């Protein structure tokens, strides 16, 4: 089972992502750079897939799945560089 590591698109600076989600078989095309809507507590937020992993520290049954994939996205190259501006400008990724 593939795990999507999703960085939430939010302005909350105290939020430490990325967060793990199960990749459903129906969304097997999701990869680094995909923009997804995910459950996040009581809210539904947008996030960017920053990594596809083989496993998670959490058991699979505790991981939620993305609700939908948006057509927009980012290139893997852009995603690879996302932490640098956040560090330099004290901002969220």
N, C-alpha and C. Protein backbone atom coordinates (compact mmCIF):
# COMPACT_ATOMS: atom_id res chain seq x y z
N UNK A 1 0.84 -1.17 0.00
CA UNK A 1 0.00 0.00 0.00
C UNK A 1 0.89 1.24 0.00
N UNK A 2 0.55 2.19 -0.85
CA UNK A 2 1.32 3.44 -0.92
C UNK A 2 0.74 4.46 0.05
N UNK A 3 1.64 5.22 0.62
CA UNK A 3 1.28 6.28 1.56
C UNK A 3 1.62 7.61 0.91
N UNK A 4 0.66 8.54 0.94
CA UNK A 4 0.89 9.88 0.43
C UNK A 4 1.27 10.78 1.60
N UNK A 5 2.37 11.46 1.49
CA UNK A 5 2.76 12.46 2.50
C UNK A 5 2.28 13.80 1.94
N UNK A 6 1.33 14.42 2.65
CA UNK A 6 0.67 15.62 2.16
C UNK A 6 1.02 16.82 3.05
N UNK A 7 1.47 17.88 2.41
CA UNK A 7 1.75 19.15 3.10
C UNK A 7 0.50 20.02 2.94
N UNK A 8 -0.17 20.36 4.05
CA UNK A 8 -1.38 21.18 3.97
C UNK A 8 -1.07 22.57 3.42
N UNK A 9 -1.98 23.10 2.62
CA UNK A 9 -1.86 24.46 2.13
C UNK A 9 -2.60 25.35 3.12
N UNK A 10 -1.87 25.84 4.09
CA UNK A 10 -2.45 26.64 5.16
C UNK A 10 -1.45 27.70 5.60
N UNK A 11 -1.96 28.72 6.25
CA UNK A 11 -1.09 29.77 6.77
C UNK A 11 -0.73 29.55 8.23
N UNK A 12 -1.22 28.46 8.81
CA UNK A 12 -0.92 28.17 10.23
C UNK A 12 0.55 27.79 10.38
N UNK A 13 1.33 28.65 10.99
CA UNK A 13 2.77 28.41 11.12
C UNK A 13 3.11 27.32 12.11
N UNK A 14 2.24 27.06 13.07
CA UNK A 14 2.53 26.05 14.09
C UNK A 14 2.29 24.63 13.58
N UNK A 15 1.72 24.49 12.42
CA UNK A 15 1.40 23.19 11.86
C UNK A 15 2.67 22.53 11.33
N UNK A 16 2.94 21.32 11.77
CA UNK A 16 4.14 20.60 11.35
C UNK A 16 3.75 19.42 10.49
N UNK A 17 3.86 19.55 9.20
CA UNK A 17 3.55 18.47 8.28
C UNK A 17 4.84 17.92 7.72
N UNK A 18 4.80 17.07 6.78
CA UNK A 18 3.61 16.56 6.11
C UNK A 18 2.88 15.49 6.93
N UNK A 19 1.66 15.19 6.50
CA UNK A 19 0.83 14.20 7.16
C UNK A 19 0.56 13.04 6.21
N UNK A 20 0.47 11.84 6.79
CA UNK A 20 0.30 10.63 5.99
C UNK A 20 -1.17 10.33 5.71
N UNK A 21 -1.44 9.91 4.46
CA UNK A 21 -2.77 9.48 4.02
C UNK A 21 -2.60 8.22 3.19
N UNK A 22 -3.57 7.32 3.27
CA UNK A 22 -3.56 6.12 2.40
C UNK A 22 -3.90 6.55 0.98
N UNK A 23 -3.19 6.01 0.01
CA UNK A 23 -3.56 6.28 -1.39
C UNK A 23 -4.53 5.21 -1.84
N UNK A 24 -5.79 5.59 -2.11
CA UNK A 24 -6.75 4.59 -2.55
C UNK A 24 -6.41 4.10 -3.96
N UNK A 25 -6.80 2.86 -4.25
CA UNK A 25 -6.52 2.30 -5.58
C UNK A 25 -7.14 3.12 -6.69
N UNK A 26 -8.29 3.73 -6.43
CA UNK A 26 -8.96 4.55 -7.44
C UNK A 26 -8.18 5.83 -7.75
N UNK A 27 -7.22 6.17 -6.90
CA UNK A 27 -6.40 7.37 -7.11
C UNK A 27 -4.93 7.00 -7.30
N UNK A 28 -4.69 5.90 -7.97
CA UNK A 28 -3.32 5.40 -8.14
C UNK A 28 -2.44 6.36 -8.94
N UNK A 29 -3.05 7.30 -9.66
CA UNK A 29 -2.28 8.26 -10.45
C UNK A 29 -1.68 9.38 -9.61
N UNK A 30 -2.09 9.50 -8.35
CA UNK A 30 -1.55 10.56 -7.49
C UNK A 30 -0.06 10.35 -7.26
N UNK A 31 0.67 11.44 -7.39
CA UNK A 31 2.12 11.37 -7.24
C UNK A 31 2.61 12.70 -6.67
N UNK A 32 3.90 12.84 -6.51
CA UNK A 32 4.47 14.08 -5.98
C UNK A 32 4.02 15.25 -6.86
N UNK A 33 3.49 16.27 -6.20
CA UNK A 33 2.99 17.45 -6.91
C UNK A 33 1.48 17.49 -7.06
N UNK A 34 0.81 16.36 -6.85
CA UNK A 34 -0.65 16.33 -6.96
C UNK A 34 -1.27 17.19 -5.86
N UNK A 35 -2.33 17.91 -6.20
CA UNK A 35 -3.07 18.70 -5.22
C UNK A 35 -4.33 17.91 -4.86
N UNK A 36 -4.53 17.71 -3.56
CA UNK A 36 -5.64 16.89 -3.08
C UNK A 36 -6.42 17.62 -1.99
N UNK A 37 -7.69 17.26 -1.86
CA UNK A 37 -8.50 17.72 -0.73
C UNK A 37 -8.53 16.56 0.25
N UNK A 38 -8.14 16.85 1.50
CA UNK A 38 -8.03 15.80 2.51
C UNK A 38 -8.81 16.16 3.77
N UNK A 39 -9.28 15.13 4.50
CA UNK A 39 -9.87 15.42 5.80
C UNK A 39 -8.77 15.81 6.77
N UNK A 40 -9.02 16.84 7.56
CA UNK A 40 -8.03 17.31 8.52
C UNK A 40 -8.79 17.75 9.76
N UNK A 41 -8.92 16.82 10.71
CA UNK A 41 -9.79 17.09 11.86
C UNK A 41 -11.21 17.27 11.35
N UNK A 42 -11.92 18.29 11.81
CA UNK A 42 -13.29 18.50 11.35
C UNK A 42 -13.36 19.21 9.99
N UNK A 43 -12.22 19.65 9.47
CA UNK A 43 -12.21 20.43 8.22
C UNK A 43 -11.81 19.57 7.03
N UNK A 44 -11.98 20.14 5.87
CA UNK A 44 -11.51 19.57 4.61
C UNK A 44 -10.60 20.62 4.01
N UNK A 45 -9.31 20.28 3.82
CA UNK A 45 -8.36 21.27 3.34
C UNK A 45 -7.63 20.78 2.10
N UNK A 46 -6.99 21.71 1.40
CA UNK A 46 -6.16 21.37 0.25
C UNK A 46 -4.74 21.11 0.72
N UNK A 47 -4.08 20.22 0.02
CA UNK A 47 -2.69 19.93 0.32
C UNK A 47 -1.97 19.45 -0.93
N UNK A 48 -0.66 19.42 -0.87
CA UNK A 48 0.16 18.97 -1.99
C UNK A 48 0.91 17.70 -1.56
N UNK A 49 0.89 16.70 -2.41
CA UNK A 49 1.63 15.47 -2.15
C UNK A 49 3.12 15.80 -2.31
N UNK A 50 3.88 15.63 -1.24
CA UNK A 50 5.32 15.93 -1.29
C UNK A 50 6.18 14.67 -1.33
N UNK A 51 5.55 13.52 -1.09
CA UNK A 51 6.29 12.26 -1.14
C UNK A 51 5.30 11.11 -1.23
N UNK A 52 5.70 10.05 -1.90
CA UNK A 52 4.95 8.80 -1.91
C UNK A 52 5.85 7.79 -1.22
N UNK A 53 5.35 7.21 -0.13
CA UNK A 53 6.16 6.31 0.69
C UNK A 53 5.56 4.91 0.70
N UNK A 54 6.35 3.95 1.13
CA UNK A 54 5.90 2.56 1.23
C UNK A 54 5.18 2.28 2.54
N UNK A 55 5.44 3.09 3.56
CA UNK A 55 4.83 2.83 4.85
C UNK A 55 4.73 4.09 5.68
N UNK A 56 4.09 3.94 6.84
CA UNK A 56 3.88 5.04 7.76
C UNK A 56 4.15 4.55 9.17
N UNK A 57 4.41 5.48 10.08
CA UNK A 57 4.55 5.11 11.49
C UNK A 57 3.21 4.69 12.07
N UNK A 58 2.12 5.15 11.47
CA UNK A 58 0.78 4.79 11.93
C UNK A 58 0.29 3.55 11.19
N UNK A 59 -0.54 2.74 11.84
CA UNK A 59 -1.11 1.59 11.13
C UNK A 59 -2.07 2.07 10.03
N UNK A 60 -2.14 1.35 8.93
CA UNK A 60 -2.97 1.77 7.79
C UNK A 60 -4.42 2.08 8.15
N UNK A 61 -5.00 1.32 9.09
CA UNK A 61 -6.40 1.54 9.43
C UNK A 61 -6.63 2.88 10.13
N UNK A 62 -5.58 3.52 10.60
CA UNK A 62 -5.72 4.84 11.26
C UNK A 62 -5.54 5.99 10.28
N UNK A 63 -5.13 5.69 9.05
CA UNK A 63 -4.90 6.74 8.06
C UNK A 63 -6.15 7.00 7.23
N UNK A 64 -6.46 8.26 7.03
CA UNK A 64 -7.57 8.65 6.17
C UNK A 64 -7.10 8.64 4.72
N UNK A 65 -8.05 8.76 3.81
CA UNK A 65 -7.74 8.83 2.38
C UNK A 65 -8.12 10.21 1.85
N UNK A 66 -7.44 10.66 0.80
CA UNK A 66 -7.85 11.92 0.18
C UNK A 66 -9.30 11.82 -0.29
N UNK A 67 -10.00 12.95 -0.25
CA UNK A 67 -11.39 12.99 -0.68
C UNK A 67 -11.50 13.18 -2.18
N UNK A 68 -10.59 13.95 -2.73
CA UNK A 68 -10.58 14.17 -4.18
C UNK A 68 -9.23 14.71 -4.62
N UNK A 69 -8.97 14.56 -5.90
CA UNK A 69 -7.76 15.10 -6.50
C UNK A 69 -8.17 16.24 -7.42
N UNK A 70 -7.45 17.34 -7.36
CA UNK A 70 -7.72 18.46 -8.24
C UNK A 70 -6.87 18.33 -9.49
N UNK A 71 -7.31 18.96 -10.56
CA UNK A 71 -6.55 18.87 -11.80
C UNK A 71 -5.26 19.66 -11.74
N UNK A 72 -5.24 20.73 -10.95
CA UNK A 72 -4.03 21.55 -10.82
C UNK A 72 -2.99 20.78 -10.04
N UNK A 73 -1.76 21.15 -10.22
CA UNK A 73 -0.69 20.49 -9.48
C UNK A 73 0.61 21.24 -9.64
N UNK A 74 1.64 20.71 -9.05
CA UNK A 74 2.98 21.30 -9.13
C UNK A 74 3.92 20.25 -9.69
N UNK A 75 5.01 20.70 -10.24
CA UNK A 75 5.99 19.75 -10.75
C UNK A 75 6.77 19.15 -9.59
N UNK A 76 7.26 17.93 -9.74
CA UNK A 76 8.09 17.34 -8.68
C UNK A 76 9.30 18.21 -8.33
N UNK A 77 9.87 18.90 -9.32
CA UNK A 77 11.03 19.75 -9.07
C UNK A 77 10.66 20.89 -8.13
N UNK A 78 9.51 21.51 -8.35
CA UNK A 78 9.06 22.61 -7.49
C UNK A 78 8.80 22.10 -6.08
N UNK A 79 8.19 20.94 -5.95
CA UNK A 79 7.90 20.37 -4.63
C UNK A 79 9.19 20.06 -3.89
N UNK A 80 10.20 19.61 -4.58
CA UNK A 80 11.48 19.28 -3.95
C UNK A 80 12.11 20.51 -3.28
N UNK A 81 11.84 21.69 -3.81
CA UNK A 81 12.43 22.92 -3.28
C UNK A 81 11.53 23.65 -2.30
N UNK A 82 10.35 23.12 -1.97
CA UNK A 82 9.39 23.85 -1.14
C UNK A 82 9.87 24.20 0.27
N UNK A 83 10.71 23.42 0.95
CA UNK A 83 11.11 23.81 2.31
C UNK A 83 12.04 25.02 2.37
N UNK A 84 12.82 25.24 1.35
CA UNK A 84 13.83 26.31 1.41
C UNK A 84 13.22 27.70 1.58
N UNK A 85 12.28 28.15 0.75
CA UNK A 85 11.70 29.48 0.97
C UNK A 85 11.01 29.60 2.33
N UNK A 86 10.39 28.53 2.79
CA UNK A 86 9.73 28.57 4.09
C UNK A 86 10.74 28.84 5.20
N UNK A 87 11.88 28.20 5.14
CA UNK A 87 12.93 28.43 6.15
C UNK A 87 13.48 29.85 6.06
N UNK A 88 13.76 30.29 4.85
CA UNK A 88 14.40 31.59 4.68
C UNK A 88 13.48 32.76 5.01
N UNK A 89 12.17 32.58 4.81
CA UNK A 89 11.23 33.69 5.03
C UNK A 89 10.32 33.44 6.23
N UNK A 90 10.65 32.46 7.07
CA UNK A 90 9.88 32.15 8.27
C UNK A 90 8.40 32.03 7.93
N UNK A 91 8.10 31.22 6.95
CA UNK A 91 6.74 31.06 6.47
C UNK A 91 6.37 29.58 6.46
N UNK A 92 5.14 29.31 6.09
CA UNK A 92 4.71 27.93 5.94
C UNK A 92 5.20 27.42 4.58
N UNK A 93 5.41 26.12 4.45
CA UNK A 93 5.86 25.59 3.15
C UNK A 93 4.85 25.85 2.06
